[in-house]
Amino acid sequence: MNETNVNETLPPKTCSIDRLVTKEAEVSKVLAGQKTACRRNGRYADIGETMDLQGTSFTVTNVYQQALGELTPEHAKQEGHETVDEYRDSILAMHPGMPWLPQMKVWVHEFTKAE
């Protein structure tokens, strides 16, 4: 299962949306339109929720679970990286000691600039 039906009930959030994108390099990618999704270990946002990054608002358009082994080059591009390997290396550099297991599930938060 790759994407959650919008009408399906999501489990409670494990963190708040203001913690979704926090690293300066990642914020810059979002503001430049190079990053349109964020994968996290927990669920940080509801569909329709808005986050503010340096005065610009972004609306969460989809939230679903995905296994790391399901990542495609397009998913890596959503994250602001050229390849899955580049994305994986970036995540592992941010989280030393974290295993990269194909079956490990993460929460995908897709977003667009608010109108």
N, C-alpha and C. Protein backbone atom coordinates (compact mmCIF):
# COMPACT_ATOMS: atom_id res chain seq x y z
N MET A 1 0.86 -1.19 0.00
CA MET A 1 0.00 0.00 0.00
C MET A 1 0.89 1.23 0.00
N ASN A 2 0.76 2.08 -0.99
CA ASN A 2 1.62 3.24 -1.11
C ASN A 2 1.01 4.52 -0.57
N GLU A 3 -0.25 4.72 -0.83
CA GLU A 3 -0.86 5.97 -0.42
C GLU A 3 -2.15 5.72 0.34
N THR A 4 -2.40 6.60 1.30
CA THR A 4 -3.60 6.50 2.10
C THR A 4 -4.75 7.20 1.39
N ASN A 5 -5.89 6.55 1.37
CA ASN A 5 -7.09 7.19 0.86
C ASN A 5 -7.37 8.40 1.76
N VAL A 6 -7.63 9.55 1.15
CA VAL A 6 -7.86 10.77 1.92
C VAL A 6 -8.95 10.59 2.97
N ASN A 7 -9.92 9.75 2.68
CA ASN A 7 -11.03 9.55 3.61
C ASN A 7 -10.70 8.56 4.73
N GLU A 8 -9.59 7.83 4.59
CA GLU A 8 -9.21 6.86 5.60
C GLU A 8 -8.75 7.59 6.87
N THR A 9 -9.08 7.04 8.01
CA THR A 9 -8.70 7.66 9.27
C THR A 9 -7.23 7.39 9.55
N LEU A 10 -6.48 8.44 9.81
CA LEU A 10 -5.06 8.32 10.14
C LEU A 10 -4.90 8.18 11.65
N PRO A 11 -3.84 7.52 12.09
CA PRO A 11 -3.59 7.42 13.53
C PRO A 11 -3.22 8.80 14.09
N PRO A 12 -3.22 8.96 15.40
CA PRO A 12 -2.86 10.25 15.99
C PRO A 12 -1.45 10.68 15.59
N LYS A 13 -1.26 11.98 15.52
CA LYS A 13 0.07 12.52 15.21
C LYS A 13 1.01 12.20 16.37
N THR A 14 2.28 12.01 16.02
CA THR A 14 3.30 11.74 17.03
C THR A 14 4.15 12.98 17.33
N CYS A 15 3.98 14.01 16.53
CA CYS A 15 4.73 15.25 16.70
C CYS A 15 3.93 16.36 16.03
N SER A 16 4.36 17.60 16.20
CA SER A 16 3.62 18.72 15.61
C SER A 16 4.24 19.13 14.28
N ILE A 17 3.43 19.74 13.43
CA ILE A 17 3.86 20.13 12.09
C ILE A 17 5.05 21.08 12.11
N ASP A 18 5.21 21.87 13.16
CA ASP A 18 6.34 22.80 13.21
C ASP A 18 7.68 22.09 13.32
N ARG A 19 7.68 20.78 13.55
CA ARG A 19 8.91 19.98 13.61
C ARG A 19 9.15 19.20 12.31
N LEU A 20 8.26 19.36 11.33
CA LEU A 20 8.36 18.58 10.09
C LEU A 20 9.62 18.91 9.29
N VAL A 21 9.86 20.18 9.05
CA VAL A 21 11.05 20.62 8.30
C VAL A 21 11.77 21.64 9.16
N THR A 22 12.93 21.27 9.67
CA THR A 22 13.62 22.15 10.61
C THR A 22 15.07 22.47 10.23
N LYS A 23 15.74 21.59 9.53
CA LYS A 23 17.14 21.82 9.15
C LYS A 23 17.20 22.92 8.11
N GLU A 24 18.16 23.85 8.27
CA GLU A 24 18.24 25.00 7.36
C GLU A 24 18.33 24.59 5.90
N ALA A 25 19.14 23.58 5.60
CA ALA A 25 19.29 23.15 4.21
C ALA A 25 17.98 22.63 3.66
N GLU A 26 17.20 21.93 4.48
CA GLU A 26 15.91 21.41 4.04
C GLU A 26 14.89 22.53 3.87
N VAL A 27 14.89 23.49 4.79
CA VAL A 27 14.00 24.65 4.68
C VAL A 27 14.29 25.38 3.37
N SER A 28 15.56 25.57 3.06
CA SER A 28 15.95 26.26 1.82
C SER A 28 15.43 25.52 0.59
N LYS A 29 15.51 24.18 0.61
CA LYS A 29 15.02 23.39 -0.51
C LYS A 29 13.50 23.55 -0.67
N VAL A 30 12.78 23.57 0.45
CA VAL A 30 11.32 23.75 0.37
C VAL A 30 11.01 25.13 -0.21
N LEU A 31 11.66 26.16 0.31
CA LEU A 31 11.40 27.52 -0.15
C LEU A 31 11.74 27.69 -1.63
N ALA A 32 12.73 26.94 -2.13
CA ALA A 32 13.13 27.03 -3.54
C ALA A 32 12.28 26.13 -4.44
N GLY A 33 11.35 25.38 -3.84
CA GLY A 33 10.50 24.49 -4.63
C GLY A 33 11.17 23.18 -5.00
N GLN A 34 12.32 22.88 -4.40
CA GLN A 34 13.06 21.65 -4.71
C GLN A 34 12.66 20.48 -3.83
N LYS A 35 11.96 20.73 -2.75
CA LYS A 35 11.53 19.69 -1.81
C LYS A 35 10.04 19.85 -1.59
N THR A 36 9.29 18.80 -1.93
CA THR A 36 7.83 18.86 -1.82
C THR A 36 7.26 17.73 -0.96
N ALA A 37 8.16 17.01 -0.28
CA ALA A 37 7.73 15.94 0.61
C ALA A 37 8.77 15.77 1.71
N CYS A 38 8.30 15.24 2.83
CA CYS A 38 9.20 14.97 3.95
C CYS A 38 8.79 13.64 4.57
N ARG A 39 9.75 12.75 4.65
CA ARG A 39 9.53 11.45 5.27
C ARG A 39 10.05 11.49 6.69
N ARG A 40 9.23 11.02 7.61
CA ARG A 40 9.58 11.02 9.03
C ARG A 40 9.20 9.68 9.64
N ASN A 41 9.82 9.39 10.77
CA ASN A 41 9.54 8.16 11.50
C ASN A 41 8.14 8.16 12.09
N GLY A 42 7.60 9.33 12.37
CA GLY A 42 6.26 9.47 12.91
C GLY A 42 5.40 10.35 12.03
N ARG A 43 4.15 10.50 12.42
CA ARG A 43 3.21 11.35 11.67
C ARG A 43 3.19 12.72 12.31
N TYR A 44 3.57 13.75 11.51
CA TYR A 44 3.73 15.10 12.02
C TYR A 44 2.61 16.05 11.60
N ALA A 45 1.77 15.64 10.66
CA ALA A 45 0.77 16.57 10.14
C ALA A 45 -0.46 15.84 9.64
N ASP A 46 -1.54 16.57 9.58
CA ASP A 46 -2.79 16.11 8.99
C ASP A 46 -2.91 16.71 7.59
N ILE A 47 -3.63 16.03 6.71
CA ILE A 47 -3.91 16.57 5.39
C ILE A 47 -4.68 17.88 5.58
N GLY A 48 -4.25 18.92 4.89
CA GLY A 48 -4.89 20.23 4.99
C GLY A 48 -4.23 21.15 6.01
N GLU A 49 -3.37 20.60 6.84
CA GLU A 49 -2.68 21.42 7.84
C GLU A 49 -1.61 22.27 7.15
N THR A 50 -1.33 23.43 7.71
CA THR A 50 -0.39 24.37 7.12
C THR A 50 0.83 24.56 8.00
N MET A 51 2.00 24.59 7.35
CA MET A 51 3.24 24.91 8.08
C MET A 51 3.78 26.22 7.52
N ASP A 52 4.45 26.96 8.38
CA ASP A 52 5.04 28.24 8.00
C ASP A 52 6.56 28.11 8.04
N LEU A 53 7.20 28.46 6.92
CA LEU A 53 8.66 28.45 6.85
C LEU A 53 9.12 29.84 6.41
N GLN A 54 9.72 30.56 7.32
CA GLN A 54 10.25 31.90 7.04
C GLN A 54 9.22 32.80 6.36
N GLY A 55 7.99 32.75 6.86
CA GLY A 55 6.94 33.63 6.35
C GLY A 55 6.19 33.11 5.13
N THR A 56 6.53 31.92 4.66
CA THR A 56 5.83 31.32 3.54
C THR A 56 5.07 30.10 4.04
N SER A 57 3.81 29.99 3.64
CA SER A 57 2.97 28.88 4.10
C SER A 57 2.93 27.75 3.08
N PHE A 58 2.90 26.53 3.61
CA PHE A 58 2.80 25.32 2.80
C PHE A 58 1.70 24.45 3.38
N THR A 59 0.86 23.89 2.50
CA THR A 59 -0.26 23.06 2.93
C THR A 59 0.05 21.60 2.65
N VAL A 60 -0.18 20.76 3.64
CA VAL A 60 0.02 19.32 3.50
C VAL A 60 -1.12 18.77 2.63
N THR A 61 -0.75 18.11 1.54
CA THR A 61 -1.74 17.61 0.58
C THR A 61 -1.96 16.10 0.69
N ASN A 62 -1.02 15.38 1.27
CA ASN A 62 -1.18 13.94 1.41
C ASN A 62 -0.29 13.43 2.53
N VAL A 63 -0.75 12.43 3.24
CA VAL A 63 0.01 11.79 4.31
C VAL A 63 -0.25 10.29 4.20
N TYR A 64 0.83 9.52 4.09
CA TYR A 64 0.68 8.07 3.97
C TYR A 64 1.97 7.38 4.42
N GLN A 65 1.87 6.09 4.68
CA GLN A 65 3.04 5.31 5.06
C GLN A 65 3.67 4.68 3.83
N GLN A 66 5.01 4.51 3.91
CA GLN A 66 5.75 3.93 2.81
C GLN A 66 6.95 3.18 3.38
N ALA A 67 7.28 2.04 2.81
CA ALA A 67 8.49 1.31 3.20
C ALA A 67 9.68 1.94 2.48
N LEU A 68 10.82 2.00 3.15
CA LEU A 68 12.02 2.58 2.54
C LEU A 68 12.38 1.86 1.24
N GLY A 69 12.12 0.56 1.18
CA GLY A 69 12.42 -0.20 -0.02
C GLY A 69 11.55 0.15 -1.21
N GLU A 70 10.47 0.92 -0.99
CA GLU A 70 9.58 1.34 -2.08
C GLU A 70 9.99 2.67 -2.70
N LEU A 71 11.02 3.31 -2.15
CA LEU A 71 11.43 4.61 -2.67
C LEU A 71 11.90 4.52 -4.12
N THR A 72 11.44 5.47 -4.92
CA THR A 72 11.81 5.56 -6.33
C THR A 72 12.62 6.83 -6.54
N PRO A 73 13.26 6.98 -7.71
CA PRO A 73 13.95 8.23 -8.00
C PRO A 73 13.02 9.45 -7.89
N GLU A 74 11.75 9.28 -8.26
CA GLU A 74 10.79 10.40 -8.15
C GLU A 74 10.58 10.78 -6.68
N HIS A 75 10.50 9.79 -5.80
CA HIS A 75 10.38 10.09 -4.36
C HIS A 75 11.61 10.85 -3.87
N ALA A 76 12.79 10.44 -4.31
CA ALA A 76 14.03 11.13 -3.91
C ALA A 76 13.98 12.59 -4.38
N LYS A 77 13.48 12.81 -5.60
CA LYS A 77 13.37 14.19 -6.11
C LYS A 77 12.39 15.01 -5.27
N GLN A 78 11.28 14.38 -4.81
CA GLN A 78 10.35 15.08 -3.91
C GLN A 78 11.08 15.54 -2.65
N GLU A 79 12.06 14.79 -2.24
CA GLU A 79 12.84 15.10 -1.03
C GLU A 79 13.98 16.08 -1.31
N GLY A 80 14.14 16.48 -2.58
CA GLY A 80 15.18 17.43 -2.93
C GLY A 80 16.52 16.80 -3.25
N HIS A 81 16.51 15.52 -3.62
CA HIS A 81 17.74 14.80 -3.95
C HIS A 81 17.64 14.22 -5.35
N GLU A 82 18.79 13.99 -5.98
CA GLU A 82 18.82 13.48 -7.35
C GLU A 82 18.55 11.98 -7.43
N THR A 83 19.00 11.23 -6.42
CA THR A 83 18.85 9.77 -6.46
C THR A 83 18.41 9.25 -5.10
N VAL A 84 17.93 8.02 -5.09
CA VAL A 84 17.57 7.38 -3.83
C VAL A 84 18.81 7.22 -2.96
N ASP A 85 19.94 6.85 -3.56
CA ASP A 85 21.18 6.69 -2.79
C ASP A 85 21.59 8.00 -2.13
N GLU A 86 21.46 9.11 -2.86
CA GLU A 86 21.80 10.43 -2.30
C GLU A 86 20.88 10.76 -1.13
N TYR A 87 19.60 10.48 -1.29
CA TYR A 87 18.64 10.72 -0.20
C TYR A 87 18.99 9.85 1.00
N ARG A 88 19.22 8.56 0.76
CA ARG A 88 19.58 7.64 1.85
C ARG A 88 20.83 8.13 2.59
N ASP A 89 21.86 8.51 1.85
CA ASP A 89 23.09 8.98 2.48
C ASP A 89 22.85 10.23 3.31
N SER A 90 21.98 11.11 2.84
CA SER A 90 21.65 12.33 3.57
C SER A 90 20.96 12.00 4.89
N ILE A 91 19.99 11.09 4.84
CA ILE A 91 19.26 10.70 6.05
C ILE A 91 20.20 10.02 7.05
N LEU A 92 21.03 9.12 6.57
CA LEU A 92 21.95 8.41 7.47
C LEU A 92 22.99 9.35 8.07
N ALA A 93 23.36 10.40 7.34
CA ALA A 93 24.30 11.39 7.89
C ALA A 93 23.63 12.20 9.01
N MET A 94 22.32 12.44 8.87
CA MET A 94 21.59 13.19 9.90
C MET A 94 21.30 12.34 11.13
N HIS A 95 21.21 11.03 10.94
CA HIS A 95 20.84 10.10 12.01
C HIS A 95 21.88 8.99 12.14
N PRO A 96 23.06 9.31 12.68
CA PRO A 96 24.12 8.31 12.82
C PRO A 96 23.62 7.08 13.57
N GLY A 97 23.96 5.92 13.06
CA GLY A 97 23.56 4.67 13.70
C GLY A 97 22.21 4.16 13.28
N MET A 98 21.44 4.96 12.56
CA MET A 98 20.12 4.51 12.10
C MET A 98 20.30 3.47 11.00
N PRO A 99 19.60 2.36 11.10
CA PRO A 99 19.67 1.38 10.01
C PRO A 99 18.79 1.82 8.84
N TRP A 100 19.14 1.44 7.65
CA TRP A 100 18.31 1.67 6.46
C TRP A 100 17.78 0.31 6.04
N LEU A 101 16.60 -0.02 6.50
CA LEU A 101 16.01 -1.33 6.25
C LEU A 101 14.89 -1.20 5.23
N PRO A 102 14.92 -1.97 4.14
CA PRO A 102 13.89 -1.84 3.10
C PRO A 102 12.47 -1.96 3.64
N GLN A 103 12.26 -2.76 4.68
CA GLN A 103 10.92 -2.96 5.21
C GLN A 103 10.51 -1.88 6.22
N MET A 104 11.45 -1.02 6.63
CA MET A 104 11.13 0.03 7.61
C MET A 104 10.12 1.00 7.02
N LYS A 105 9.05 1.22 7.76
CA LYS A 105 7.99 2.14 7.31
C LYS A 105 8.24 3.55 7.83
N VAL A 106 7.99 4.52 6.98
CA VAL A 106 8.07 5.93 7.35
C VAL A 106 6.77 6.59 6.94
N TRP A 107 6.53 7.76 7.52
CA TRP A 107 5.35 8.55 7.15
C TRP A 107 5.78 9.59 6.13
N VAL A 108 5.09 9.63 5.00
CA VAL A 108 5.34 10.60 3.95
C VAL A 108 4.36 11.74 4.12
N HIS A 109 4.89 12.96 4.11
CA HIS A 109 4.08 14.18 4.19
C HIS A 109 4.36 14.97 2.91
N GLU A 110 3.40 15.05 2.01
CA GLU A 110 3.55 15.82 0.78
C GLU A 110 2.89 17.18 0.98
N PHE A 111 3.50 18.22 0.41
CA PHE A 111 2.97 19.57 0.61
C PHE A 111 3.22 20.44 -0.61
N THR A 112 2.44 21.51 -0.70
CA THR A 112 2.59 22.51 -1.75
C THR A 112 2.52 23.88 -1.12
N LYS A 113 3.06 24.85 -1.83
CA LYS A 113 2.98 26.23 -1.37
C LYS A 113 1.52 26.65 -1.31
N ALA A 114 1.13 27.25 -0.20
CA ALA A 114 -0.27 27.67 -0.02
C ALA A 114 -0.58 28.83 -0.96
N GLU A 115 -1.81 28.85 -1.41
CA GLU A 115 -2.27 29.94 -2.31
C GLU A 115 -2.44 31.23 -1.53
